[in-house]
Amino acid sequence: MIIVLDGGSAPPGVFPPGFFPPMDGGSPGGGKPYSFEMNEGRTSTPGTGPSAGVGGSGAYAFAESSDKPPGSLFQALYNGTACSDTGLDILVVDFYYHMYGEGIGTLSVTNAAGEVKWSLSGNQGDSWQTATVAVNSPSFAFKYFLSDSPKDFFGDAAFAGVVVTCGLVPPPPDRKSVV
């Protein structure tokens, strides 16, 4: 079963169902992560972030880095209800990402256990790229760490067009001890 979790025509600021951005609390220093923001069109800082959604229009979630300290964490959690409501887990997450600017940090996808399943760092150019990630988990999170660069002001990263594939997570391999 494939389910689209795209904000698509949702107004700016409204996340697709099942996504829960944390309350802004900030980091570093042990505070809560910052929230990704929903947006359409260009981000407010020139020289970083998308100039439009995927294909030239539509909503996307982005980390607004311009007023955050280096090393800050942004997070958007997906609770997995699209799959769990049918008794399944999330096998695969497909999405678009945009990582443009001199101060880009690290964007990652983690599973419910907090294991990093996909990660990418640095400036990837001013275009939307695609990723497919096997998460095999009941939920997942997008996380973005700002770089420690003094240019982190130019470090807006974004994601959009999220699609999950639901199914039964395969059991771990049989680990029989060999004597």
Foldseek 3Di string as FASTA:
>chain_A
DKDWQFCFPPAWQDGGPQKDWDDDFKDDPPTDAHEWTKDAACDPDPFADARGDAPRHGIWTKDQQQPHAAFIKTKIKGQQCVAVVVPWAFFKKKKKKAWTHQFAAKKFKAAPVRHTFDMDGDHPDHHIDMDMTGHLHSIMMIMGTTHNDPRSSRHMMIMGGMMTDIDHRDDDDDDDDDD
